[in-house]
Protein backbone atom coordinates (compact mmCIF):
# COMPACT_ATOMS: atom_id res chain seq x y z
CA MET A 1 0.00 0.00 0.00
CA GLU A 2 1.27 3.46 -0.92
CA LYS A 3 2.19 5.81 1.87
CA GLY A 4 -0.48 8.49 2.67
CA LYS A 5 -3.38 6.62 1.04
CA PRO A 6 -6.03 5.01 3.23
CA GLU A 7 -6.47 1.29 2.94
CA GLY A 8 -9.00 0.35 0.18
CA PHE A 9 -8.86 3.77 -1.56
CA ASN A 10 -8.95 3.53 -5.41
CA ILE A 11 -8.31 6.79 -7.28
CA ASP A 12 -9.37 5.31 -10.63
CA GLN A 13 -12.74 4.21 -9.20
CA LEU A 14 -13.34 7.72 -7.80
CA LEU A 15 -12.54 9.34 -11.14
CA ARG A 16 -14.86 6.93 -12.96
CA LYS A 17 -17.66 7.70 -10.48
CA LYS A 18 -17.21 11.46 -10.97
CA ALA A 19 -17.20 10.99 -14.72
CA VAL A 20 -20.47 9.02 -14.59
CA ILE A 21 -22.10 11.68 -12.37
CA GLY A 22 -20.89 14.49 -14.61
CA THR A 23 -22.07 12.71 -17.75
CA ASN A 24 -25.46 12.06 -16.12
CA VAL A 25 -25.83 15.75 -15.21
CA VAL A 26 -24.91 16.83 -18.74
CA LEU A 27 -27.39 14.38 -20.24
CA MET A 28 -30.13 15.55 -17.87
CA VAL A 29 -29.46 19.18 -18.82
CA ILE A 30 -29.56 18.28 -22.52
CA VAL A 31 -32.81 16.34 -22.08
CA ALA A 32 -34.32 19.21 -20.07
CA PHE A 33 -33.41 21.72 -22.78
CA GLY A 34 -34.72 19.34 -25.42
CA LEU A 35 -38.06 18.94 -23.64
CA PHE A 36 -38.28 22.70 -23.15
CA GLY A 37 -37.61 23.23 -26.87
CA VAL A 38 -40.22 20.65 -27.95
CA VAL A 39 -42.84 22.10 -25.58
CA SER A 40 -42.07 25.65 -26.79
CA TYR A 41 -42.34 24.53 -30.42
CA LEU A 42 -45.68 22.79 -29.81
CA ASN A 43 -46.92 25.80 -27.85
CA ALA A 44 -46.01 28.15 -30.70
CA ARG A 45 -47.62 25.93 -33.36
CA HIS A 46 -50.67 24.89 -31.33
CA TYR A 47 -51.42 27.90 -29.13
CA ILE A 48 -54.62 27.56 -27.10
CA ARG A 49 -56.41 30.23 -25.06
CA LEU A 50 -58.85 29.14 -22.37
CA ASP A 51 -61.27 31.42 -20.57
CA PHE A 52 -62.22 30.17 -17.11
CA THR A 53 -64.21 33.25 -16.05
CA SER A 54 -67.87 32.56 -15.32
CA GLY A 55 -69.08 35.28 -17.67
CA GLY A 56 -66.56 34.60 -20.43
CA ARG A 57 -64.91 37.99 -19.94
CA PHE A 58 -61.90 37.13 -22.11
CA SER A 59 -63.86 35.36 -24.87
CA VAL A 60 -65.70 36.71 -27.89
CA SER A 61 -69.16 35.78 -29.09
CA ASN A 62 -69.97 33.34 -31.88
CA LYS A 63 -71.01 36.26 -34.08
CA THR A 64 -67.58 37.87 -33.76
CA LYS A 65 -65.81 34.55 -34.38
CA ASN A 66 -67.84 33.99 -37.55
CA ILE A 67 -66.99 37.45 -38.86
CA ILE A 68 -63.27 37.20 -38.02
CA LYS A 69 -62.88 33.71 -39.49
CA GLY A 70 -64.63 34.88 -42.65
CA LEU A 71 -62.08 37.64 -43.32
CA ASP A 72 -60.31 37.40 -46.66
CA LYS A 73 -58.24 40.58 -46.21
CA PRO A 74 -55.86 41.60 -43.41
CA VAL A 75 -57.19 43.99 -40.77
CA THR A 76 -54.86 46.03 -38.53
CA PHE A 77 -55.78 47.31 -35.08
CA THR A 78 -53.59 50.16 -33.86
CA VAL A 79 -54.07 50.89 -30.15
CA LEU A 80 -53.19 54.48 -29.21
CA PHE A 81 -53.25 54.12 -25.43
CA GLY A 82 -50.49 54.67 -22.93
CA GLU A 83 -49.75 51.59 -20.83
CA GLY A 84 -50.81 53.41 -17.67
CA GLU A 85 -54.30 54.27 -18.98
CA LEU A 86 -57.25 52.87 -17.04
CA PHE A 87 -58.75 50.62 -19.73
CA PHE A 88 -55.58 49.80 -21.68
CA GLY A 89 -55.32 46.23 -20.34
CA ARG A 90 -58.99 45.49 -21.01
CA ILE A 91 -58.75 46.70 -24.61
CA MET A 92 -55.57 44.73 -25.29
CA ASP A 93 -57.11 41.57 -23.79
CA ILE A 94 -60.11 41.62 -26.13
CA LEU A 95 -58.01 42.48 -29.19
CA LYS A 96 -55.57 39.65 -28.43
CA GLU A 97 -58.58 37.32 -28.52
CA TYR A 98 -59.42 38.75 -31.96
CA GLN A 99 -55.84 38.10 -33.07
CA TYR A 100 -56.01 34.56 -31.72
CA GLN A 101 -59.08 33.80 -33.84
CA SER A 102 -57.48 34.63 -37.20
CA ASP A 103 -54.08 35.30 -38.73
CA LYS A 104 -55.77 38.10 -40.72
CA ILE A 105 -55.83 40.26 -37.58
CA LYS A 106 -52.71 42.30 -36.79
CA LEU A 107 -52.38 44.11 -33.46
CA VAL A 108 -50.11 47.15 -33.07
CA HIS A 109 -49.58 49.29 -29.96
CA ILE A 110 -48.30 52.86 -30.19
CA ASP A 111 -47.77 55.03 -27.13
CA PRO A 112 -48.72 58.48 -28.51
CA VAL A 113 -46.57 60.34 -26.00
CA ARG A 114 -43.40 58.26 -26.39
CA ASN A 115 -43.67 57.66 -30.15
CA PRO A 116 -44.68 60.93 -31.88
CA THR A 117 -42.89 59.87 -35.07
CA ARG A 118 -45.01 56.74 -35.47
CA MET A 119 -48.10 58.83 -34.72
CA ARG A 120 -47.24 61.17 -37.61
CA GLU A 121 -46.68 58.20 -39.91
CA LEU A 122 -50.09 56.79 -38.95
CA THR A 123 -51.79 60.15 -39.51
CA ASP A 124 -50.26 60.43 -42.97
CA ARG A 125 -51.14 56.83 -43.85
CA ILE A 126 -54.85 57.10 -43.05
CA LYS A 127 -54.98 60.69 -44.42
CA ALA A 128 -56.37 62.17 -41.21
CA GLU A 129 -55.86 65.73 -40.05
CA THR A 130 -55.79 64.74 -36.39
CA ILE A 131 -56.09 61.53 -34.39
CA GLN A 132 -57.61 61.50 -30.96
CA LEU A 133 -55.46 60.09 -28.18
CA ASN A 134 -56.73 57.04 -26.26
CA SER A 135 -58.40 55.55 -29.32
CA VAL A 136 -58.13 52.56 -31.66
CA ILE A 137 -57.62 52.77 -35.43
CA ILE A 138 -58.92 49.85 -37.53
CA GLU A 139 -57.50 49.61 -41.07
CA CYS A 140 -58.20 47.40 -44.06
CA GLY A 141 -56.56 48.38 -47.33
CA ASP A 142 -57.16 52.10 -47.87
CA ARG A 143 -60.15 52.23 -45.50
CA ALA A 144 -59.85 53.19 -41.83
CA LYS A 145 -62.21 53.52 -38.88
CA HIS A 146 -61.45 55.67 -35.85
CA VAL A 147 -62.89 54.36 -32.53
CA PRO A 148 -62.45 56.78 -29.61
CA GLN A 149 -62.44 55.69 -25.98
CA SER A 150 -65.88 57.24 -25.44
CA GLU A 151 -67.40 54.60 -27.76
CA VAL A 152 -65.61 51.71 -26.06
CA ILE A 153 -66.46 52.66 -22.47
CA GLU A 154 -69.92 53.77 -21.40
CA LYS A 155 -68.99 56.20 -18.64
CA GLU A 156 -72.06 55.76 -16.52
CA PHE A 157 -71.99 53.55 -13.46
CA PRO A 158 -71.75 50.63 -13.77
CA PHE A 159 -69.07 51.24 -16.42
CA LYS A 160 -70.06 49.15 -19.44
CA PHE A 161 -67.24 47.86 -21.64
CA LYS A 162 -68.52 47.74 -25.22
CA GLY A 163 -65.24 46.77 -26.85
CA GLU A 164 -66.39 43.67 -28.72
CA GLU A 165 -69.58 45.31 -29.93
CA VAL A 166 -67.73 48.36 -31.27
CA PHE A 167 -64.63 46.62 -32.67
CA THR A 168 -66.64 43.98 -34.54
CA ALA A 169 -68.80 46.70 -36.06
CA ALA A 170 -65.62 48.54 -37.10
CA ILE A 171 -64.35 45.40 -38.87
CA LEU A 172 -67.58 45.24 -40.87
CA ASN A 173 -67.29 48.93 -41.65
CA VAL A 174 -63.80 48.67 -43.19
CA THR A 175 -64.17 45.27 -44.89
CA GLU A 176 -67.61 45.41 -46.51
CA GLU A 177 -67.49 47.07 -49.90
CA GLU A 178 -71.16 48.08 -49.85
CA GLN A 179 -73.61 48.81 -47.07
CA THR A 180 -76.84 46.88 -46.77
CA TYR A 181 -79.85 49.20 -47.02
CA VAL A 182 -82.71 48.64 -44.59
CA TYR A 183 -85.83 50.68 -45.36
CA ILE A 184 -88.34 51.07 -42.52
CA THR A 185 -91.83 52.23 -43.46
CA THR A 186 -93.47 55.30 -41.94
CA GLY A 187 -96.87 56.97 -42.20
CA HIS A 188 -98.99 54.23 -40.57
CA GLY A 189 -98.22 54.84 -36.91
CA GLU A 190 -95.04 52.72 -36.96
CA ARG A 191 -92.43 53.08 -34.23
CA GLY A 192 -90.12 56.08 -34.58
CA LEU A 193 -86.54 55.36 -35.67
CA GLU A 194 -85.18 58.27 -33.62
CA ASP A 195 -87.66 57.90 -30.76
CA TYR A 196 -85.72 57.45 -27.49
CA GLU A 197 -88.81 56.77 -25.38
CA ARG A 198 -89.64 53.29 -24.10
CA GLN A 199 -91.78 52.47 -27.14
CA GLY A 200 -89.28 53.91 -29.63
CA PHE A 201 -86.91 52.17 -32.03
CA SER A 202 -83.75 54.19 -31.40
CA ASN A 203 -81.82 51.32 -29.74
CA ILE A 204 -82.34 48.86 -32.57
CA THR A 205 -81.68 51.59 -35.15
CA THR A 206 -78.33 52.29 -33.50
CA ALA A 207 -77.55 48.55 -33.41
CA LEU A 208 -78.29 48.21 -37.13
CA LYS A 209 -76.08 51.17 -38.01
CA ARG A 210 -73.30 49.74 -35.84
CA ASP A 211 -73.51 46.50 -37.86
CA ASN A 212 -72.92 48.55 -41.02
CA PHE A 213 -76.56 48.71 -42.14
CA ASN A 214 -77.83 51.92 -43.70
CA VAL A 215 -81.22 52.57 -42.08
CA VAL A 216 -83.57 54.75 -44.15
CA PRO A 217 -87.21 55.79 -43.46
CA LEU A 218 -89.65 55.13 -46.30
CA ASP A 219 -93.08 56.72 -46.83
CA LEU A 220 -94.72 54.65 -49.55
CA MET A 221 -97.59 57.08 -50.11
CA THR A 222 -95.18 59.92 -50.79
CA ARG A 223 -92.49 58.06 -52.72
CA LYS A 224 -94.83 55.69 -54.60
CA GLU A 225 -92.10 53.06 -54.94
CA ILE A 226 -89.74 50.83 -53.03
CA PRO A 227 -86.22 52.02 -53.98
CA ALA A 228 -83.97 49.78 -56.03
CA THR A 229 -81.37 49.95 -53.25
CA CYS A 230 -83.74 48.33 -50.73
CA ASP A 231 -82.16 45.12 -49.44
CA VAL A 232 -84.64 44.61 -46.59
CA LEU A 233 -88.03 46.22 -46.01
CA VAL A 234 -89.12 46.52 -42.37
CA ILE A 235 -92.69 47.24 -41.27
CA ALA A 236 -92.70 47.80 -37.51
CA GLY A 237 -96.03 47.82 -35.69
CA PRO A 238 -98.37 49.83 -37.95
CA THR A 239 -101.52 51.10 -36.25
CA LYS A 240 -103.28 52.21 -39.46
CA PRO A 241 -104.13 50.12 -42.55
CA PHE A 242 -102.08 50.13 -45.74
CA GLY A 243 -103.81 51.28 -48.90
CA SER A 244 -104.30 49.04 -51.91
CA GLU A 245 -101.60 50.95 -53.82
CA GLU A 246 -99.09 50.42 -51.02
CA LEU A 247 -99.95 46.72 -50.77
CA GLY A 248 -99.43 46.47 -54.52
CA LEU A 249 -95.95 47.99 -54.18
CA ILE A 250 -95.03 45.52 -51.43
CA ARG A 251 -96.39 42.58 -53.46
CA ASP A 252 -94.44 43.66 -56.54
CA TYR A 253 -91.27 44.04 -54.41
CA LEU A 254 -91.64 40.49 -53.06
CA ASP A 255 -92.72 38.71 -56.24
CA ASN A 256 -90.88 40.47 -59.06
CA ARG A 257 -87.79 41.67 -57.20
CA LYS A 258 -87.43 38.68 -54.85
CA GLY A 259 -87.67 41.10 -51.96
CA ARG A 260 -86.89 40.65 -48.27
CA LEU A 261 -89.44 41.64 -45.63
CA VAL A 262 -89.48 41.86 -41.81
CA LEU A 263 -92.99 42.41 -40.49
CA CYS A 264 -93.82 43.09 -36.83
CA LEU A 265 -97.55 42.99 -36.18
CA GLU A 266 -99.71 43.57 -33.10
CA PRO A 267 -103.10 42.22 -32.00
CA ALA A 268 -106.04 44.29 -33.25
CA PHE A 269 -106.67 45.84 -29.86
CA GLY A 270 -106.37 49.38 -28.48
CA PRO A 271 -104.60 51.63 -31.00
CA TYR A 272 -104.02 48.74 -33.40
CA SER A 273 -106.37 47.57 -36.14
CA GLU A 274 -106.14 45.20 -39.07
CA THR A 275 -103.65 46.63 -41.53
CA GLY A 276 -104.43 44.77 -44.76
CA LEU A 277 -101.06 43.04 -44.49
CA GLU A 278 -102.80 39.99 -42.97
CA LYS A 279 -104.44 39.18 -46.31
CA LEU A 280 -101.18 39.78 -48.18
CA LEU A 281 -99.33 37.36 -45.88
CA LYS A 282 -101.71 34.53 -46.76
CA GLU A 283 -100.35 34.66 -50.31
CA TYR A 284 -97.06 33.51 -48.76
CA ASN A 285 -98.72 30.85 -46.55
CA VAL A 286 -98.55 32.92 -43.35
CA ASP A 287 -101.78 33.30 -41.36
CA ALA A 288 -101.43 36.08 -38.75
CA LYS A 289 -104.29 36.00 -36.22
CA THR A 290 -104.27 39.68 -35.33
CA ASN A 291 -107.62 39.48 -33.57
CA ALA A 292 -106.05 37.39 -30.78
CA VAL A 293 -103.53 37.93 -28.03
CA VAL A 294 -101.36 35.18 -26.59
CA TYR A 295 -101.54 34.91 -22.80
CA ASN A 296 -99.41 32.95 -20.42
CA ARG A 297 -100.69 31.60 -17.09
CA VAL A 298 -98.20 32.17 -14.27
CA GLN A 299 -98.31 31.10 -10.60
CA LEU A 300 -97.33 34.17 -8.57
CA PRO A 301 -96.67 34.18 -4.80
CA PHE A 302 -99.57 35.59 -2.76
CA PHE A 303 -101.63 36.16 -5.91
CA GLY A 304 -102.18 32.62 -7.15
CA LEU A 305 -102.74 31.79 -10.81
CA GLN A 306 -102.45 34.91 -12.97
CA THR A 307 -102.86 35.64 -16.65
CA VAL A 308 -100.19 37.92 -18.11
CA ALA A 309 -99.26 39.17 -21.55
CA GLU A 310 -95.48 38.74 -21.30
CA ILE A 311 -94.24 35.69 -23.16
CA TYR A 312 -90.78 34.31 -22.35
CA VAL A 313 -89.06 32.31 -25.07
CA ASN A 314 -85.95 30.21 -24.46
CA LYS A 315 -84.48 26.71 -24.78
CA GLU A 316 -86.80 24.38 -26.72
CA ARG A 317 -89.15 27.31 -27.45
CA TYR A 318 -86.71 28.20 -30.26
CA PRO A 319 -87.30 25.63 -33.03
CA GLU A 320 -84.32 24.58 -35.14
CA HIS A 321 -83.45 27.45 -37.46
CA LYS A 322 -80.31 29.31 -38.55
CA ILE A 323 -81.68 32.52 -37.05
CA THR A 324 -82.01 31.04 -33.56
CA GLU A 325 -79.02 28.72 -33.70
CA GLY A 326 -77.03 29.22 -30.50
CA MET A 327 -79.76 31.29 -28.81
CA ARG A 328 -81.20 28.62 -26.52
CA ALA A 329 -79.43 30.04 -23.49
CA LEU A 330 -80.97 33.49 -24.08
CA ASN A 331 -84.38 34.81 -23.11
CA SER A 332 -86.54 36.69 -25.60
CA VAL A 333 -89.46 38.58 -24.09
CA PHE A 334 -92.55 39.36 -26.18
CA PHE A 335 -95.38 41.52 -24.87
CA GLY A 336 -98.93 41.29 -26.23
CA THR A 337 -98.20 39.14 -29.24
CA CYS A 338 -100.60 37.52 -31.66
CA PRO A 339 -100.42 33.90 -32.85
CA ILE A 340 -99.21 33.02 -36.33
CA GLU A 341 -100.09 29.83 -38.17
CA ALA A 342 -98.54 28.20 -41.22
CA ILE A 343 -100.65 27.39 -44.27
CA PRO A 344 -99.57 24.20 -46.07
CA ALA A 345 -97.83 24.78 -49.39
CA THR A 346 -99.80 24.12 -52.56
CA ASN A 347 -99.05 24.15 -56.28
CA GLU A 348 -100.36 27.72 -56.41
CA ARG A 349 -98.63 28.90 -53.24
CA LYS A 350 -95.20 27.28 -53.15
CA PHE A 351 -93.93 28.79 -49.92
CA GLN A 352 -92.66 26.88 -46.90
CA VAL A 353 -93.22 28.39 -43.46
CA LYS A 354 -91.00 27.52 -40.48
CA SER A 355 -91.54 28.38 -36.84
CA LEU A 356 -89.03 30.77 -35.29
CA ALA A 357 -90.36 31.26 -31.74
CA MET A 358 -93.09 29.57 -29.72
CA ALA A 359 -95.00 30.55 -26.61
CA PRO A 360 -94.96 28.24 -23.55
CA ASP A 361 -97.26 25.23 -23.49
CA ASN A 362 -99.67 26.84 -21.02
CA SER A 363 -100.45 29.71 -23.39
CA TRP A 364 -103.45 30.23 -25.64
CA GLY A 365 -104.86 32.76 -28.10
CA GLU A 366 -107.57 34.86 -26.45
CA THR A 367 -110.29 36.07 -28.83
CA GLU A 368 -112.25 38.14 -26.31
CA ILE A 369 -109.66 40.64 -25.27
CA GLY A 370 -110.51 44.11 -24.01
CA ILE A 371 -114.00 43.28 -22.76
CA ALA A 372 -114.68 45.23 -19.56
CA ASN A 373 -114.65 43.27 -16.29
CA LYS A 374 -113.91 40.01 -18.11
CA LYS A 375 -110.90 38.04 -16.94
CA PRO A 376 -109.21 36.22 -19.84
CA GLU A 377 -109.93 32.51 -19.63
CA PHE A 378 -109.41 29.74 -22.12
CA THR A 379 -112.66 28.82 -23.89
CA GLN A 380 -112.71 25.56 -25.80
CA ASP A 381 -113.71 25.79 -29.49
CA LYS A 382 -113.45 29.58 -29.30
CA ASP A 383 -109.93 30.50 -28.26
CA ILE A 384 -106.79 29.29 -30.00
CA ALA A 385 -105.25 26.35 -28.16
CA GLY A 386 -101.50 25.80 -27.85
CA PRO A 387 -98.89 25.21 -29.02
CA ILE A 388 -98.79 28.84 -30.12
CA VAL A 389 -96.27 30.08 -32.71
CA ILE A 390 -95.44 33.78 -32.44
CA ALA A 391 -92.76 34.20 -35.14
CA VAL A 392 -92.19 32.46 -38.49
CA THR A 393 -90.10 32.62 -41.64
CA SER A 394 -91.38 32.10 -45.17
CA GLN A 395 -89.47 31.35 -48.35
CA PRO A 396 -90.08 29.40 -51.58
CA VAL A 397 -90.25 25.62 -51.28
CA ASP A 398 -86.92 23.93 -51.87
CA THR A 399 -87.97 21.28 -54.40
CA ALA A 400 -84.48 19.74 -54.46
CA ALA A 401 -84.56 19.32 -50.68
CA ARG A 402 -87.98 17.71 -50.85
CA ALA A 403 -86.75 15.26 -53.46
CA ALA A 404 -83.77 14.40 -51.26
CA VAL A 405 -86.04 13.78 -48.27
CA ALA A 406 -88.22 11.55 -50.40
CA HIS A 407 -85.13 9.45 -51.15
CA GLY A 408 -84.24 9.14 -47.47
CA SER A 409 -81.49 11.77 -47.12
CA MET A 410 -81.45 14.95 -45.02
CA PRO A 411 -80.26 17.96 -47.04
CA GLU A 412 -78.76 21.02 -45.39
CA GLU A 413 -80.81 24.20 -45.21
CA ARG A 414 -79.92 26.51 -48.06
CA ALA A 415 -81.08 29.78 -49.53
CA VAL A 416 -83.77 29.45 -52.20
CA LYS A 417 -84.27 32.11 -54.85
CA GLY A 418 -87.43 34.14 -54.35
CA ALA A 419 -89.14 36.29 -51.75
CA ARG A 420 -88.09 35.82 -48.14
CA MET A 421 -89.78 37.14 -45.04
CA VAL A 422 -89.75 36.99 -41.26
CA VAL A 423 -93.04 37.70 -39.48
CA PHE A 424 -93.32 38.48 -35.76
CA GLY A 425 -96.63 38.67 -33.91
CA ASP A 426 -95.28 41.48 -31.76
CA VAL A 427 -93.38 44.75 -32.15
CA ASP A 428 -92.74 45.59 -28.47
CA PHE A 429 -89.98 42.98 -28.24
CA VAL A 430 -87.72 45.17 -30.36
CA ALA A 431 -88.71 48.49 -28.76
CA ASN A 432 -86.33 50.30 -26.40
CA GLU A 433 -88.15 48.94 -23.36
CA TYR A 434 -87.36 45.31 -24.22
CA THR A 435 -84.16 45.36 -26.29
CA GLY A 436 -82.17 45.03 -23.07
CA ASN A 437 -83.10 41.35 -23.13
CA PRO A 438 -80.23 39.70 -25.07
CA GLY A 439 -82.50 37.41 -27.08
CA ASN A 440 -84.66 40.27 -28.36
CA HIS A 441 -81.74 42.08 -29.95
CA ASP A 442 -80.26 38.92 -31.46
CA ILE A 443 -83.40 37.42 -32.96
CA PHE A 444 -84.17 40.67 -34.81
CA ILE A 445 -80.64 41.37 -36.07
CA ASN A 446 -80.17 37.71 -37.01
CA SER A 447 -83.43 37.82 -38.97
CA ILE A 448 -82.12 40.67 -41.12
CA ASN A 449 -78.79 38.91 -41.63
CA TRP A 450 -80.61 35.71 -42.61
CA LEU A 451 -82.77 37.58 -45.11
CA THR A 452 -79.72 39.14 -46.73
CA GLN A 453 -77.87 35.79 -46.63
CA LYS A 454 -75.03 37.16 -44.50
CA GLU A 455 -74.53 33.90 -42.67
CA THR A 456 -71.22 34.90 -41.05
CA LYS A 457 -72.98 37.69 -39.15
CA LEU A 458 -75.44 35.31 -37.50
CA GLY A 459 -74.77 34.54 -33.87
CA ILE A 460 -74.92 35.89 -30.35
CA SER A 461 -74.15 39.56 -29.83
CA ALA A 462 -71.51 40.93 -27.49
CA LYS A 463 -71.89 39.98 -23.83
CA PRO A 464 -73.36 42.41 -21.32
CA PRO A 465 -71.10 43.62 -18.48
CA ASP A 466 -70.46 41.14 -15.68
CA ILE A 467 -72.43 42.92 -12.96
CA ARG A 468 -73.25 40.75 -9.98
CA ARG A 469 -76.02 41.81 -7.66
CA ALA A 470 -77.11 40.16 -4.45
CA VAL A 471 -80.84 39.49 -4.52
CA ILE A 472 -82.09 39.13 -0.94
CA THR A 473 -85.58 37.95 -0.08
CA PRO A 474 -87.53 39.48 2.86
CA GLU A 475 -86.92 36.29 4.89
CA GLN A 476 -83.18 36.53 4.29
CA MET A 477 -83.21 40.21 5.26
CA LYS A 478 -84.96 39.33 8.50
CA LEU A 479 -82.38 36.62 9.20
CA ILE A 480 -79.49 39.03 8.52
CA TYR A 481 -81.09 41.64 10.77
CA TRP A 482 -81.40 39.29 13.76
CA LEU A 483 -77.90 37.88 13.20
CA CYS A 484 -76.42 41.39 13.30
CA VAL A 485 -78.60 42.85 16.04
CA ALA A 486 -79.09 39.92 18.40
CA VAL A 487 -77.13 36.74 17.64
CA LEU A 488 -73.58 38.07 17.08
CA PRO A 489 -73.67 40.65 19.91
CA GLY A 490 -75.33 38.04 22.14
CA MET A 491 -72.53 35.56 21.44
CA GLY A 492 -69.97 38.18 22.50
CA LEU A 493 -71.94 38.96 25.64
CA VAL A 494 -72.30 35.29 26.60
CA THR A 495 -68.57 34.70 25.99
CA GLY A 496 -67.65 37.67 28.18
CA VAL A 497 -69.91 36.55 31.03
CA PHE A 498 -68.48 33.02 30.83
CA VAL A 499 -64.87 34.28 30.98
CA TRP A 500 -65.72 36.59 33.91
CA TRP A 501 -67.41 33.72 35.79
CA LYS A 502 -64.43 31.40 35.21
CA ARG A 503 -61.99 33.99 36.50
CA ARG A 504 -64.08 34.60 39.62
CA ARG A 505 -63.62 30.95 40.48
């Protein structure tokens, strides 16, 4: 044994052991870097965003996804917010979701204070004299849309973030070559387009304009024609009848020009009377019972069984249709509607009618409405029994589809050449008072998009703000009161007395 070395010590074995450990560490580092590289590569190629918020705050609606995925030209969003601005993060979050949905979306951020040179370049590019700070510029080709912060944030408590609603409308504005013209009739007591009262149409008019529709009033008696630019004709709750000349113009528009019509009727009660449109609709296999009102029996606490005129439509009450696809989670509220029935197609009247919305099973059509001191009750063989349909669509019969069904196959729904119409038994559902219900807005806008065959614009509109309110019943209030006034103070008092008594002992 060599001097100075402990017995059994082997220097070669120690060196081999260190070499093995070192090699193992190097291999582990290489493997770790390799795994990190593979994961990073997969993450870059297969990036997935998940929104776990209850209200889907960081997601966009189906309507927005359809529009973005249908883009055939690049769209650039330039955000002109400083990073310290109040709503900068919220705006960037929603626009990153847009960018995630399509590679046609480009997102650019310019701090106007720190980058004046880039601001000047942007101003020159879009040919604008000035650009407002804290805004977003949307560009497509040589077209640009300026969206200021005031349009994105509704500065009334609770602050409503309207980013998706406004940005999606801006995309339509810069990408659509031509606007769709919606003419709304006047002169028969229809709802006012600029009327901001509860019964007015200002909310839905604003929504149509935001979706890049050009909304124009039309007085048929004065103009004596339906303009050639009319893509959709809307008749909203007339209280006075249409003349034979006006009905002839509408018939010619539908038959000879393959027109598109949205008709919102009301029961012939109060200010409303039969308009002459009921007879015209029968030519397209739609039978509108305007002498009846649909009622819904509701069990109310303390009041028992009540009969009300508000009809709530959701879930299975939306029959299968492209207009209502994806709307089953939304409520549509109709007030004082009339039932609509489909007339079977014949060789003379080749129009197929499909249900769009139905009243609940415990509803009926009341024929004796407005009689003094008479409570509405269902009368067999007199009133209209359920199921009650309150909205329908009508278009020419698809003979090819019928032939396919006859041979045992199920063809997809497709657009058929010819007149198309959507008929609602109510007009209040789209008035300012009721458009706050998400289903009301969507079913009307989707109807116009379906008529104009803009399938990518069908879907659910932007989400309302996530405002959570605590709804407390009187019993719960009483419980909270006694807990705060008696129980909690009493527990403290009892505890104090107990401690004092223990210490006395």
